[in-house]
Structure formats: structure tokens, C-alpha cells
C-alpha atoms as a PDB file:
ATOM      1  CA  MET A   1     -45.754 -28.473  30.650  1.00  0.00           C
ATOM      2  CA  GLY A   2     -49.319 -28.850  31.888  1.00  0.00           C
ATOM      3  CA  ASP A   3     -50.887 -32.293  32.097  1.00  0.00           C
ATOM      4  CA  THR A   4     -50.743 -33.167  28.420  1.00  0.00           C
ATOM      5  CA  LEU A   5     -47.336 -33.232  26.722  1.00  0.00           C
ATOM      6  CA  THR A   6     -43.795 -32.841  27.957  1.00  0.00           C
ATOM      7  CA  THR A   7     -41.775 -29.897  26.668  1.00  0.00           C
ATOM      8  CA  LYS A   8     -39.823 -32.126  24.289  1.00  0.00           C
ATOM      9  CA  GLU A   9     -42.948 -33.853  23.006  1.00  0.00           C
ATOM     10  CA  LEU A  10     -44.735 -30.559  22.467  1.00  0.00           C
ATOM     11  CA  ALA A  11     -41.839 -29.045  20.542  1.00  0.00           C
ATOM     12  CA  MET A  12     -41.958 -31.927  18.082  1.00  0.00           C
ATOM     13  CA  THR A  13     -45.664 -31.836  17.259  1.00  0.00           C
ATOM     14  CA  GLU A  14     -46.999 -30.506  13.963  1.00  0.00           C
ATOM     15  CA  ALA A  15     -49.703 -28.614  15.841  1.00  0.00           C
ATOM     16  CA  TRP A  16     -47.022 -26.603  17.648  1.00  0.00           C
ATOM     17  CA  ILE A  17     -44.447 -26.072  14.887  1.00  0.00           C
ATOM     18  CA  ARG A  18     -46.145 -24.523  11.877  1.00  0.00           C
ATOM     19  CA  PRO A  19     -45.144 -23.202   8.443  1.00  0.00           C
ATOM     20  CA  LEU A  20     -45.198 -19.425   8.118  1.00  0.00           C
ATOM     21  CA  GLY A  21     -47.056 -19.219   4.824  1.00  0.00           C
ATOM     22  CA  ARG A  22     -44.750 -19.800   1.858  1.00  0.00           C
ATOM     23  CA  THR A  23     -41.713 -18.215   3.516  1.00  0.00           C
ATOM     24  CA  GLY A  24     -40.013 -21.515   4.272  1.00  0.00           C
ATOM     25  CA  LEU A  25     -39.774 -20.492   7.925  1.00  0.00           C
ATOM     26  CA  GLN A  26     -41.136 -22.740  10.678  1.00  0.00           C
ATOM     27  CA  VAL A  27     -42.471 -21.053  13.811  1.00  0.00           C
ATOM     28  CA  SER A  28     -43.988 -22.184  17.084  1.00  0.00           C
ATOM     29  CA  ALA A  29     -47.690 -21.663  17.712  1.00  0.00           C
ATOM     30  CA  VAL A  30     -46.819 -19.186  20.475  1.00  0.00           C
ATOM     31  CA  CYS A  31     -44.296 -16.397  19.937  1.00  0.00           C
ATOM     32  CA  LEU A  32     -42.508 -14.439  22.656  1.00  0.00           C
ATOM     33  CA  GLY A  33     -43.582 -10.824  22.117  1.00  0.00           C
ATOM     34  CA  GLY A  34     -40.800  -8.385  22.922  1.00  0.00           C
ATOM     35  CA  GLY A  35     -42.915  -5.263  23.485  1.00  0.00           C
ATOM     36  CA  PRO A  36     -42.745  -5.334  27.298  1.00  0.00           C
ATOM     37  CA  LEU A  37     -39.211  -6.781  27.447  1.00  0.00           C
ATOM     38  CA  GLY A  38     -37.572  -3.378  27.211  1.00  0.00           C
ATOM     39  CA  SER A  39     -39.924  -1.763  29.740  1.00  0.00           C
ATOM     40  CA  MET A  40     -42.835   0.345  28.521  1.00  0.00           C
ATOM     41  CA  PRO A  41     -44.716   1.005  31.780  1.00  0.00           C
ATOM     42  CA  ARG A  42     -47.225   3.476  30.308  1.00  0.00           C
ATOM     43  CA  LEU A  43     -48.398   0.806  27.880  1.00  0.00           C
ATOM     44  CA  PHE A  44     -47.983  -2.375  29.924  1.00  0.00           C
ATOM     45  CA  GLY A  45     -48.462  -1.080  33.471  1.00  0.00           C
ATOM     46  CA  ARG A  46     -45.088  -1.966  34.987  1.00  0.00           C
ATOM     47  CA  ASP A  47     -41.378  -1.396  34.665  1.00  0.00           C
ATOM     48  CA  THR A  48     -39.345  -4.355  33.465  1.00  0.00           C
ATOM     49  CA  PRO A  49     -35.891  -4.559  35.062  1.00  0.00           C
ATOM     50  CA  ALA A  50     -33.154  -5.475  32.603  1.00  0.00           C
ATOM     51  CA  GLU A  51     -32.453  -8.833  34.225  1.00  0.00           C
ATOM     52  CA  ASP A  52     -36.143  -9.767  34.104  1.00  0.00           C
ATOM     53  CA  GLY A  53     -36.191  -9.055  30.395  1.00  0.00           C
ATOM     54  CA  ILE A  54     -33.041 -11.052  29.729  1.00  0.00           C
ATOM     55  CA  ASP A  55     -34.175 -13.954  31.928  1.00  0.00           C
ATOM     56  CA  THR A  56     -37.543 -14.036  30.132  1.00  0.00           C
ATOM     57  CA  VAL A  57     -35.808 -14.522  26.791  1.00  0.00           C
ATOM     58  CA  LEU A  58     -33.581 -17.237  28.274  1.00  0.00           C
ATOM     59  CA  ALA A  59     -36.655 -18.991  29.677  1.00  0.00           C
ATOM     60  CA  ALA A  60     -38.264 -18.883  26.236  1.00  0.00           C
ATOM     61  CA  LEU A  61     -35.160 -20.345  24.599  1.00  0.00           C
ATOM     62  CA  ASP A  62     -35.358 -23.256  27.056  1.00  0.00           C
ATOM     63  CA  SER A  63     -39.084 -23.772  26.358  1.00  0.00           C
ATOM     64  CA  PRO A  64     -41.097 -25.023  23.370  1.00  0.00           C
ATOM     65  CA  ILE A  65     -41.330 -21.416  22.119  1.00  0.00           C
ATOM     66  CA  ARG A  66     -39.244 -21.193  18.939  1.00  0.00           C
ATOM     67  CA  PHE A  67     -40.203 -17.705  17.774  1.00  0.00           C
ATOM     68  CA  ILE A  68     -39.313 -14.259  19.155  1.00  0.00           C
ATOM     69  CA  ASP A  69     -40.751 -10.952  17.937  1.00  0.00           C
ATOM     70  CA  THR A  70     -39.397  -7.484  18.700  1.00  0.00           C
ATOM     71  CA  SER A  71     -38.973  -4.069  17.075  1.00  0.00           C
ATOM     72  CA  ASN A  72     -36.327  -1.411  16.575  1.00  0.00           C
ATOM     73  CA  GLY A  73     -38.501   1.140  18.334  1.00  0.00           C
ATOM     74  CA  TYR A  74     -39.578  -0.812  21.417  1.00  0.00           C
ATOM     75  CA  SER A  75     -38.285   1.221  24.367  1.00  0.00           C
ATOM     76  CA  ASP A  76     -35.832   3.044  22.086  1.00  0.00           C
ATOM     77  CA  GLY A  77     -34.151  -0.230  21.208  1.00  0.00           C
ATOM     78  CA  GLU A  78     -33.958  -1.630  24.740  1.00  0.00           C
ATOM     79  CA  SER A  79     -36.058  -4.689  23.837  1.00  0.00           C
ATOM     80  CA  GLU A  80     -33.552  -5.610  21.126  1.00  0.00           C
ATOM     81  CA  ARG A  81     -30.599  -4.946  23.434  1.00  0.00           C
ATOM     82  CA  ARG A  82     -31.975  -7.296  26.091  1.00  0.00           C
ATOM     83  CA  ILE A  83     -32.717  -9.989  23.519  1.00  0.00           C
ATOM     84  CA  GLY A  84     -29.177  -9.571  22.204  1.00  0.00           C
ATOM     85  CA  ALA A  85     -27.769  -9.903  25.725  1.00  0.00           C
ATOM     86  CA  ALA A  86     -29.800 -13.076  26.282  1.00  0.00           C
ATOM     87  CA  LEU A  87     -28.626 -14.562  22.983  1.00  0.00           C
ATOM     88  CA  ALA A  88     -25.013 -13.795  23.922  1.00  0.00           C
ATOM     89  CA  ARG A  89     -25.430 -15.587  27.261  1.00  0.00           C
ATOM     90  CA  HIS A  90     -27.126 -18.489  25.518  1.00  0.00           C
ATOM     91  CA  GLY A  91     -24.289 -18.853  23.048  1.00  0.00           C
ATOM     92  CA  GLY A  92     -26.172 -17.467  20.050  1.00  0.00           C
ATOM     93  CA  LEU A  93     -29.525 -17.893  18.363  1.00  0.00           C
ATOM     94  CA  PRO A  94     -30.496 -21.581  18.195  1.00  0.00           C
ATOM     95  CA  ASP A  95     -30.895 -22.940  14.688  1.00  0.00           C
ATOM     96  CA  ASP A  96     -34.551 -23.783  15.277  1.00  0.00           C
ATOM     97  CA  VAL A  97     -35.536 -20.329  16.589  1.00  0.00           C
ATOM     98  CA  VAL A  98     -36.838 -17.576  14.305  1.00  0.00           C
ATOM     99  CA  LEU A  99     -36.232 -14.003  15.416  1.00  0.00           C
ATOM    100  CA  ALA A 100     -38.295 -11.231  13.835  1.00  0.00           C
ATOM    101  CA  THR A 101     -37.886  -7.504  14.257  1.00  0.00           C
ATOM    102  CA  LYS A 102     -39.419  -4.402  12.703  1.00  0.00           C
ATOM    103  CA  VAL A 103     -38.098  -1.249  11.088  1.00  0.00           C
ATOM    104  CA  ASP A 104     -39.250   1.936  12.760  1.00  0.00           C
ATOM    105  CA  PRO A 105     -39.054   5.622  11.882  1.00  0.00           C
ATOM    106  CA  SER A 106     -36.824   8.117  13.654  1.00  0.00           C
ATOM    107  CA  GLY A 107     -39.155  10.938  14.599  1.00  0.00           C
ATOM    108  CA  ASP A 108     -40.848  11.990  11.364  1.00  0.00           C
ATOM    109  CA  ASP A 109     -38.251  10.254   9.195  1.00  0.00           C
ATOM    110  CA  TYR A 110     -39.601   7.059   7.617  1.00  0.00           C
ATOM    111  CA  SER A 111     -37.507   7.282   4.468  1.00  0.00           C
ATOM    112  CA  GLY A 112     -35.710   4.520   2.603  1.00  0.00           C
ATOM    113  CA  ASP A 113     -32.455   5.605   4.249  1.00  0.00           C
ATOM    114  CA  ARG A 114     -34.117   5.372   7.639  1.00  0.00           C
ATOM    115  CA  VAL A 115     -35.262   1.818   6.905  1.00  0.00           C
ATOM    116  CA  ARG A 116     -31.708   0.786   6.087  1.00  0.00           C
ATOM    117  CA  ALA A 117     -30.399   2.492   9.230  1.00  0.00           C
ATOM    118  CA  SER A 118     -33.080   0.762  11.320  1.00  0.00           C
ATOM    119  CA  VAL A 119     -31.978  -2.644  10.060  1.00  0.00           C
ATOM    120  CA  GLU A 120     -28.337  -1.887  10.863  1.00  0.00           C
ATOM    121  CA  GLU A 121     -29.253  -0.759  14.385  1.00  0.00           C
ATOM    122  CA  SER A 122     -31.238  -3.958  14.937  1.00  0.00           C
ATOM    123  CA  ARG A 123     -28.366  -6.136  13.729  1.00  0.00           C
ATOM    124  CA  GLU A 124     -25.980  -4.450  16.155  1.00  0.00           C
ATOM    125  CA  ARG A 125     -28.298  -4.670  19.158  1.00  0.00           C
ATOM    126  CA  LEU A 126     -29.301  -8.275  18.514  1.00  0.00           C
ATOM    127  CA  GLY A 127     -25.784  -9.392  17.667  1.00  0.00           C
ATOM    128  CA  LEU A 128     -26.951 -11.008  14.425  1.00  0.00           C
ATOM    129  CA  ASP A 129     -25.482 -10.650  10.940  1.00  0.00           C
ATOM    130  CA  HIS A 130     -28.681 -11.822   9.277  1.00  0.00           C
ATOM    131  CA  LEU A 131     -32.268 -11.004  10.219  1.00  0.00           C
ATOM    132  CA  PRO A 132     -34.633 -13.751   8.992  1.00  0.00           C
ATOM    133  CA  LEU A 133     -37.808 -11.654   9.143  1.00  0.00           C
ATOM    134  CA  VAL A 134     -38.173  -7.865   9.220  1.00  0.00           C
ATOM    135  CA  HIS A 135     -41.533  -6.063   9.270  1.00  0.00           C
ATOM    136  CA  LEU A 136     -42.507  -2.587   8.134  1.00  0.00           C
ATOM    137  CA  HIS A 137     -43.917  -1.309  11.427  1.00  0.00           C
ATOM    138  CA  ASP A 138     -47.023   0.867  11.836  1.00  0.00           C
ATOM    139  CA  PRO A 139     -46.878   2.549   8.421  1.00  0.00           C
ATOM    140  CA  GLU A 140     -50.471   3.736   8.854  1.00  0.00           C
ATOM    141  CA  ASN A 141     -49.174   6.690  10.853  1.00  0.00           C
ATOM    142  CA  PHE A 142     -47.420   8.096   7.762  1.00  0.00           C
ATOM    143  CA  ASP A 143     -48.342   9.129   4.232  1.00  0.00           C
ATOM    144  CA  PHE A 144     -48.932   6.069   2.052  1.00  0.00           C
ATOM    145  CA  ALA A 145     -47.826   7.791  -1.171  1.00  0.00           C
ATOM    146  CA  GLU A 146     -44.520   8.784   0.414  1.00  0.00           C
ATOM    147  CA  LEU A 147     -43.721   5.398   1.957  1.00  0.00           C
ATOM    148  CA  SER A 148     -44.706   3.458  -1.165  1.00  0.00           C
ATOM    149  CA  ALA A 149     -42.905   5.725  -3.658  1.00  0.00           C
ATOM    150  CA  PRO A 150     -39.752   4.560  -5.503  1.00  0.00           C
ATOM    151  CA  GLY A 151     -36.843   4.805  -3.091  1.00  0.00           C
ATOM    152  CA  GLY A 152     -39.212   5.024  -0.124  1.00  0.00           C
ATOM    153  CA  ALA A 153     -39.552   2.806   2.934  1.00  0.00           C
ATOM    154  CA  VAL A 154     -41.317  -0.086   1.199  1.00  0.00           C
ATOM    155  CA  ASP A 155     -38.889  -0.039  -1.729  1.00  0.00           C
ATOM    156  CA  ALA A 156     -35.909  -0.038   0.638  1.00  0.00           C
ATOM    157  CA  LEU A 157     -37.223  -3.055   2.531  1.00  0.00           C
ATOM    158  CA  VAL A 158     -37.869  -4.945  -0.717  1.00  0.00           C
ATOM    159  CA  ARG A 159     -34.342  -4.160  -1.901  1.00  0.00           C
ATOM    160  CA  LEU A 160     -32.844  -5.336   1.391  1.00  0.00           C
ATOM    161  CA  ARG A 161     -34.581  -8.655   0.789  1.00  0.00           C
ATOM    162  CA  GLU A 162     -33.348  -8.806  -2.801  1.00  0.00           C
ATOM    163  CA  GLU A 163     -29.806  -8.046  -1.654  1.00  0.00           C
ATOM    164  CA  GLY A 164     -29.999 -10.862   0.899  1.00  0.00           C
ATOM    165  CA  GLN A 165     -29.413  -8.486   3.802  1.00  0.00           C
ATOM    166  CA  VAL A 166     -32.690  -9.622   5.353  1.00  0.00           C
ATOM    167  CA  GLY A 167     -34.620 -12.835   4.798  1.00  0.00           C
ATOM    168  CA  LYS A 168     -38.365 -12.276   4.467  1.00  0.00           C
ATOM    169  CA  ILE A 169     -40.274  -9.033   4.886  1.00  0.00           C
ATOM    170  CA  GLY A 170     -43.543  -8.439   6.700  1.00  0.00           C
ATOM    171  CA  LEU A 171     -46.237  -5.841   7.218  1.00  0.00           C
ATOM    172  CA  ALA A 172     -47.139  -5.117  10.848  1.00  0.00           C
ATOM    173  CA  GLY A 173     -49.777  -2.581  11.737  1.00  0.00           C
ATOM    174  CA  GLY A 174     -53.120  -1.677  13.207  1.00  0.00           C
ATOM    175  CA  ARG A 175     -55.799   0.294  11.380  1.00  0.00           C
ATOM    176  CA  VAL A 176     -57.033  -2.090   8.713  1.00  0.00           C
ATOM    177  CA  GLN A 177     -58.141   0.547   6.193  1.00  0.00           C
ATOM    178  CA  GLU A 178     -54.577   1.841   5.934  1.00  0.00           C
ATOM    179  CA  ILE A 179     -52.820  -1.511   6.185  1.00  0.00           C
ATOM    180  CA  ALA A 180     -54.957  -2.776   3.279  1.00  0.00           C
ATOM    181  CA  LYS A 181     -53.284  -0.239   0.979  1.00  0.00           C
ATOM    182  CA  TYR A 182     -49.862  -1.679   1.761  1.00  0.00           C
ATOM    183  CA  LEU A 183     -51.112  -5.247   1.483  1.00  0.00           C
ATOM    184  CA  ASP A 184     -52.387  -4.466  -2.014  1.00  0.00           C
ATOM    185  CA  LEU A 185     -48.818  -3.703  -3.110  1.00  0.00           C
ATOM    186  CA  GLY A 186     -48.246  -7.462  -3.171  1.00  0.00           C
ATOM    187  CA  VAL A 187     -44.614  -7.303  -2.020  1.00  0.00           C
ATOM    188  CA  PHE A 188     -44.776  -8.648   1.540  1.00  0.00           C
ATOM    189  CA  ASP A 189     -44.248 -12.207   2.776  1.00  0.00           C
ATOM    190  CA  VAL A 190     -45.964 -11.958   6.173  1.00  0.00           C
ATOM    191  CA  LEU A 191     -48.880 -10.047   7.731  1.00  0.00           C
ATOM    192  CA  LEU A 192     -48.936  -9.210  11.445  1.00  0.00           C
ATOM    193  CA  VAL A 193     -52.193  -7.893  12.918  1.00  0.00           C
ATOM    194  CA  HIS A 194     -52.844  -6.819  16.497  1.00  0.00           C
ATOM    195  CA  ASN A 195     -55.952  -6.317  18.656  1.00  0.00           C
ATOM    196  CA  ARG A 196     -58.121  -6.971  15.603  1.00  0.00           C
ATOM    197  CA  TRP A 197     -58.598 -10.750  15.616  1.00  0.00           C
ATOM    198  CA  THR A 198     -59.744 -11.601  19.131  1.00  0.00           C
ATOM    199  CA  LEU A 199     -62.733 -12.772  21.119  1.00  0.00           C
ATOM    200  CA  LEU A 200     -63.994  -9.177  20.986  1.00  0.00           C
ATOM    201  CA  ASP A 201     -62.974  -7.786  17.580  1.00  0.00           C
ATOM    202  CA  ARG A 202     -62.744  -9.216  14.050  1.00  0.00           C
ATOM    203  CA  SER A 203     -61.696  -6.077  12.160  1.00  0.00           C
ATOM    204  CA  ALA A 204     -58.740  -7.889  10.563  1.00  0.00           C
ATOM    205  CA  GLY A 205     -60.865 -10.561   8.853  1.00  0.00           C
ATOM    206  CA  PRO A 206     -60.590  -9.153   5.298  1.00  0.00           C
ATOM    207  CA  LEU A 207     -56.863  -8.496   5.735  1.00  0.00           C
ATOM    208  CA  ILE A 208     -56.249 -12.077   6.819  1.00  0.00           C
ATOM    209  CA  GLU A 209     -58.188 -13.439   3.860  1.00  0.00           C
ATOM    210  CA  GLU A 210     -56.235 -11.282   1.405  1.00  0.00           C
ATOM    211  CA  ALA A 211     -52.931 -12.272   2.984  1.00  0.00           C
ATOM    212  CA  LEU A 212     -53.807 -15.930   2.605  1.00  0.00           C
ATOM    213  CA  ARG A 213     -54.830 -15.353  -1.012  1.00  0.00           C
ATOM    214  CA  GLN A 214     -51.337 -13.987  -1.615  1.00  0.00           C
ATOM    215  CA  GLY A 215     -49.731 -16.979   0.107  1.00  0.00           C
ATOM    216  CA  MET A 216     -48.491 -14.915   3.011  1.00  0.00           C
ATOM    217  CA  GLY A 217     -47.938 -16.093   6.558  1.00  0.00           C
ATOM    218  CA  VAL A 218     -50.258 -14.618   9.189  1.00  0.00           C
ATOM    219  CA  LEU A 219     -49.272 -13.599  12.726  1.00  0.00           C
ATOM    220  CA  ASN A 220     -51.734 -12.458  15.389  1.00  0.00           C
ATOM    221  CA  ALA A 221     -50.729 -10.237  18.312  1.00  0.00           C
ATOM    222  CA  ALA A 222     -52.395  -8.585  21.312  1.00  0.00           C
ATOM    223  CA  VAL A 223     -55.045 -11.285  21.687  1.00  0.00           C
ATOM    224  CA  TYR A 224     -55.751  -9.991  25.210  1.00  0.00           C
ATOM    225  CA  GLY A 225     -56.740  -6.602  23.780  1.00  0.00           C
ATOM    226  CA  GLY A 226     -54.212  -4.763  25.915  1.00  0.00           C
ATOM    227  CA  GLY A 227     -55.202  -6.566  29.120  1.00  0.00           C
ATOM    228  CA  ILE A 228     -59.000  -6.625  29.285  1.00  0.00           C
ATOM    229  CA  LEU A 229     -59.021 -10.306  28.258  1.00  0.00           C
ATOM    230  CA  ALA A 230     -56.059 -11.241  30.446  1.00  0.00           C
ATOM    231  CA  SER A 231     -57.849 -11.452  33.791  1.00  0.00           C
ATOM    232  CA  GLN A 232     -60.793 -13.500  34.973  1.00  0.00           C
ATOM    233  CA  ASP A 233     -61.547 -10.861  37.616  1.00  0.00           C
ATOM    234  CA  GLY A 234     -61.195  -7.105  37.221  1.00  0.00           C
ATOM    235  CA  GLY A 235     -58.355  -5.739  35.108  1.00  0.00           C
ATOM    236  CA  PRO A 236     -58.254  -2.862  32.616  1.00  0.00           C
ATOM    237  CA  THR A 237     -61.409  -1.363  31.142  1.00  0.00           C
ATOM    238  CA  THR A 238     -59.651  -0.364  27.918  1.00  0.00           C
ATOM    239  CA  TYR A 239     -59.503  -2.335  24.686  1.00  0.00           C
ATOM    240  CA  GLY A 240     -56.823  -1.728  22.074  1.00  0.00           C
ATOM    241  CA  TYR A 241     -55.365   1.105  24.204  1.00  0.00           C
ATOM    242  CA  ARG A 242     -58.605   3.109  24.275  1.00  0.00           C
ATOM    243  CA  PRO A 243     -61.668   3.129  26.583  1.00  0.00           C
ATOM    244  CA  ALA A 244     -63.858   0.118  25.886  1.00  0.00           C
ATOM    245  CA  PRO A 245     -67.487   0.887  24.947  1.00  0.00           C
ATOM    246  CA  PRO A 246     -70.287  -0.537  27.130  1.00  0.00           C
ATOM    247  CA  GLU A 247     -71.008  -3.327  24.620  1.00  0.00           C
ATOM    248  CA  VAL A 248     -67.428  -4.583  24.949  1.00  0.00           C
ATOM    249  CA  LEU A 249     -67.407  -4.336  28.741  1.00  0.00           C
ATOM    250  CA  GLY A 250     -70.676  -6.248  28.900  1.00  0.00           C
ATOM    251  CA  ALA A 251     -69.398  -8.956  26.551  1.00  0.00           C
ATOM    252  CA  VAL A 252     -66.276  -9.429  28.649  1.00  0.00           C
ATOM    253  CA  GLU A 253     -68.291  -9.979  31.815  1.00  0.00           C
ATOM    254  CA  GLN A 254     -70.533 -12.509  30.107  1.00  0.00           C
ATOM    255  CA  MET A 255     -67.538 -14.290  28.575  1.00  0.00           C
ATOM    256  CA  ARG A 256     -65.927 -14.550  31.992  1.00  0.00           C
ATOM    257  CA  ARG A 257     -69.029 -16.260  33.326  1.00  0.00           C
ATOM    258  CA  VAL A 258     -69.085 -18.697  30.405  1.00  0.00           C
ATOM    259  CA  CYS A 259     -65.410 -19.526  30.925  1.00  0.00           C
ATOM    260  CA  ALA A 260     -65.957 -20.153  34.630  1.00  0.00           C
ATOM    261  CA  ALA A 261     -68.872 -22.459  33.844  1.00  0.00           C
ATOM    262  CA  TYR A 262     -66.558 -24.525  31.638  1.00  0.00           C
ATOM    263  CA  GLY A 263     -63.801 -24.653  34.247  1.00  0.00           C
ATOM    264  CA  THR A 264     -61.413 -22.293  32.499  1.00  0.00           C
ATOM    265  CA  ASP A 265     -60.652 -18.552  32.408  1.00  0.00           C
ATOM    266  CA  ILE A 266     -60.966 -15.815  29.836  1.00  0.00           C
ATOM    267  CA  ALA A 267     -57.201 -15.457  29.305  1.00  0.00           C
ATOM    268  CA  THR A 268     -56.903 -19.105  28.301  1.00  0.00           C
ATOM    269  CA  ALA A 269     -59.894 -18.756  25.998  1.00  0.00           C
ATOM    270  CA  ALA A 270     -58.507 -15.556  24.450  1.00  0.00           C
ATOM    271  CA  LEU A 271     -55.208 -17.264  23.662  1.00  0.00           C
ATOM    272  CA  GLN A 272     -56.748 -20.460  22.362  1.00  0.00           C
ATOM    273  CA  PHE A 273     -59.216 -18.542  20.183  1.00  0.00           C
ATOM    274  CA  SER A 274     -56.204 -17.503  18.105  1.00  0.00           C
ATOM    275  CA  LEU A 275     -54.287 -20.771  18.395  1.00  0.00           C
ATOM    276  CA  ARG A 276     -57.177 -22.868  17.106  1.00  0.00           C
ATOM    277  CA  ASP A 277     -57.465 -20.734  13.949  1.00  0.00           C
ATOM    278  CA  GLU A 278     -55.526 -22.742  11.354  1.00  0.00           C
ATOM    279  CA  ARG A 279     -54.923 -19.587   9.316  1.00  0.00           C
ATOM    280  CA  VAL A 280     -52.763 -18.088  12.073  1.00  0.00           C
ATOM    281  CA  ALA A 281     -49.218 -19.456  12.034  1.00  0.00           C
ATOM    282  CA  SER A 282     -48.231 -17.979  15.397  1.00  0.00           C
ATOM    283  CA  THR A 283     -49.829 -15.964  18.181  1.00  0.00           C
ATOM    284  CA  ILE A 284     -47.584 -13.281  19.666  1.00  0.00           C
ATOM    285  CA  VAL A 285     -47.847 -12.895  23.436  1.00  0.00           C
ATOM    286  CA  GLY A 286     -45.967 -10.141  25.239  1.00  0.00           C
ATOM    287  CA  MET A 287     -44.015 -11.389  28.239  1.00  0.00           C
ATOM    288  CA  SER A 288     -41.734  -9.643  30.719  1.00  0.00           C
ATOM    289  CA  ARG A 289     -41.320 -12.177  33.537  1.00  0.00           C
ATOM    290  CA  PRO A 290     -39.603 -15.571  33.209  1.00  0.00           C
ATOM    291  CA  GLN A 291     -42.518 -17.388  34.852  1.00  0.00           C
ATOM    292  CA  ARG A 292     -44.894 -16.079  32.189  1.00  0.00           C
ATOM    293  CA  VAL A 293     -43.241 -18.343  29.637  1.00  0.00           C
ATOM    294  CA  ALA A 294     -44.310 -21.570  31.370  1.00  0.00           C
ATOM    295  CA  GLU A 295     -47.704 -20.078  32.247  1.00  0.00           C
ATOM    296  CA  THR A 296     -48.356 -19.176  28.615  1.00  0.00           C
ATOM    297  CA  VAL A 297     -47.318 -22.576  27.284  1.00  0.00           C
ATOM    298  CA  ASP A 298     -49.584 -24.203  29.875  1.00  0.00           C
ATOM    299  CA  ALA A 299     -52.505 -21.974  28.839  1.00  0.00           C
ATOM    300  CA  ALA A 300     -51.847 -22.846  25.204  1.00  0.00           C
ATOM    301  CA  THR A 301     -51.880 -26.594  25.790  1.00  0.00           C
ATOM    302  CA  THR A 302     -54.577 -26.969  28.442  1.00  0.00           C
ATOM    303  CA  ALA A 303     -57.659 -28.772  27.131  1.00  0.00           C
ATOM    304  CA  VAL A 304     -60.712 -26.522  26.695  1.00  0.00           C
ATOM    305  CA  PRO A 305     -64.148 -28.055  25.936  1.00  0.00           C
ATOM    306  CA  ASP A 306     -65.218 -27.586  22.310  1.00  0.00           C
ATOM    307  CA  ALA A 307     -68.687 -26.555  23.474  1.00  0.00           C
ATOM    308  CA  ILE A 308     -67.338 -23.284  24.849  1.00  0.00           C
ATOM    309  CA  TRP A 309     -66.642 -21.752  21.434  1.00  0.00           C
ATOM    310  CA  PRO A 310     -70.195 -21.358  20.109  1.00  0.00           C
ATOM    311  CA  GLU A 311     -71.211 -19.747  23.386  1.00  0.00           C
ATOM    312  CA  LEU A 312     -68.337 -17.265  23.278  1.00  0.00           C
ATOM    313  CA  GLU A 313     -68.978 -16.556  19.597  1.00  0.00           C
ATOM    314  CA  ALA A 314     -72.580 -15.660  20.391  1.00  0.00           C
ATOM    315  CA  LEU A 315     -71.262 -12.931  22.714  1.00  0.00           C
ATOM    316  CA  LEU A 316     -69.112 -11.194  20.069  1.00  0.00           C
ATOM    317  CA  PRO A 317     -69.825  -7.438  20.284  1.00  0.00           C
ATOM    318  CA  PRO A 318     -71.450  -5.804  17.243  1.00  0.00           C
ATOM    319  CA  GLU A 319     -69.201  -4.676  14.410  1.00  0.00           C
ATOM    320  CA  ARG A 320     -69.984  -1.014  15.038  1.00  0.00           C
ATOM    321  CA  VAL A 321     -67.871  -1.081  18.230  1.00  0.00           C
ATOM    322  CA  TRP A 322     -64.866  -2.864  16.721  1.00  0.00           C
ATOM    323  CA  LEU A 323     -61.649  -0.837  16.560  1.00  0.00           C
ATOM    324  CA  ASP A 324     -61.820  -0.115  12.836  1.00  0.00           C
ATOM    325  CA  ALA A 325     -65.579  -0.079  12.302  1.00  0.00           C
ATOM    326  CA  ASP A 326     -65.633   3.401  10.763  1.00  0.00           C
END
């Protein structure tokens, strides 16, 4: 891949295969994000035919990517179904690949029983008896006292780990003020943040530091901010699924010019911003076309001049326009 290392060489390097905190799991620096695999056109801008989704997973399994992330609720389970179909065609999940999923509510039901049902649904769709990593997904949209109560969603996930029905458990969410409450419970093995540790937003900084203090693994998703950092020319004018303020739009344009001056593009810089952070075990990148797998690995391994980073850092928008500034 690219003009640096072969696929086999890359897969064997310590820089590419990293420990996920103290979990004992080893993950690749880039993770295949399953959000768009099941087709969510309103969020990702295009339909994903079933065969494209399946072929994307197969391409990842034949690449240096050794980590796949999905969720029970992505496209009403279609992401998991397509991953399961790909694994069946491949002959099962390779021993060196970690597959993570997330428990999701059913409507307004985010009870302990719902968490257990979510895990069972994921097992069936993925065709796996054991799930090595399961996250509590977007709990900030529900009442903290209810989800953290004895017998509630958090308790159920902890018990599933204790019973050996799942391996490690993670916390995956957005709004940092709410996610911090769950992190303070001290029961999770992994933290997954999205849209909040990028070239444009550092809202997740305190969360990441606390996760590391607890010995947790850290995963970073949505480093393109929903698309605004994915294109050197044009593209969406939203960040984190909401209209981007003028300060963010202005920063993006200036960052694009800096990237061009250094012979690269803003998408490569956005990805490598996360990859070069030694605190981040893996960067989750949503993919829905087979060719995106090779393109992403190339972007991850292409040399970028060190001098670019101070210039991009100087263009970071002010904290008051970050997603969770209030």
C-alpha cells in the first residue's frame, strides 16, 4: 500500500498494531467503521447496496485493518447483518481481527433487559458466539440515574462481562458533559469519542485524559467531522451533523490551503492528526465502498511533513465554537 510499506510489512509493525489500553486486545491503527455499511443515506449522503457493504468488509479483512466497529442500531441491524454475511463468506472471523459492537435501546427502552436482548441480537446477526468488545452506545440521550441504577443498562453490561458472555465493555458517546458522568463510574474498559478530537474540535480532551488515568483504551471516530474535513475542495458545510459556524468554515478553508502548500490534502491531515496521537489506540473511519479500504490505508501511511502540524494547530477554532463548549 502506498510507497512505503507492503501490506504484510505494515500489518507487522508496532506502529500499526497497538494495545487497546489494559484490555489485552490488540487493534490496528485504523478501524473499519460500520456506520455506513448498512446504508444510512440521510447521515452519510448515499445508499449502500448490500453487496457493497459486504465487499467492503471482505476488502478490510484482506487488508492491514484488523479492527471492525459496528452497532446493534446501525440501520436497524443491517450493518451487523452485512458484517455477518461477509464473515460467513470469509470462513469466520480471523483470529487477529477484533470486532466491536454496541448495545442500543429499542425506542425508549434502555433497560438492563434491553441491553441483554441487544447483545443476543448482535450475536445472531454477526454469527459469533462471543463478542470481544461491546460498548454502551449514546447513553447521553437517556436519564443517567435510570441507566446507572442497580439492574439498569450499565449494571447489565457489567454483569455480561462478569458472566463471560462478552469480553470487554466500552463507553461510546458524544456530548462530553454527559459521557463524563458514565466515565466516573469507573466500570468501563474502553472509551470511544466521536467528532470531538479532530483538527477542528478538542472537546473530548478531558475525557481522554480521565480514560487514560483509569487505564482504559481510547478510540477516536468521525475525524472528518461528518464530511467537512474529507474533501480538499467543497464538501459539506456542517460539522458534527449541525451547521458549522463561520469560525469553523474559515478554519477549514485556511487548513486546505496549508495542506496544499505541503503537497497533501485535508482528509489525509485529518486522519493523521488522530493517528499520530499516541493516546489513541485506533481511529475509526466509516467506509461503504471496497476501494475506500485501500485509499484509507494509503492516507494513513503516506508521509506528511512534520512542519505542517504547528501551522494547522495555529488554525484551531476557538473553544467557544466547539461542539460541547456550553
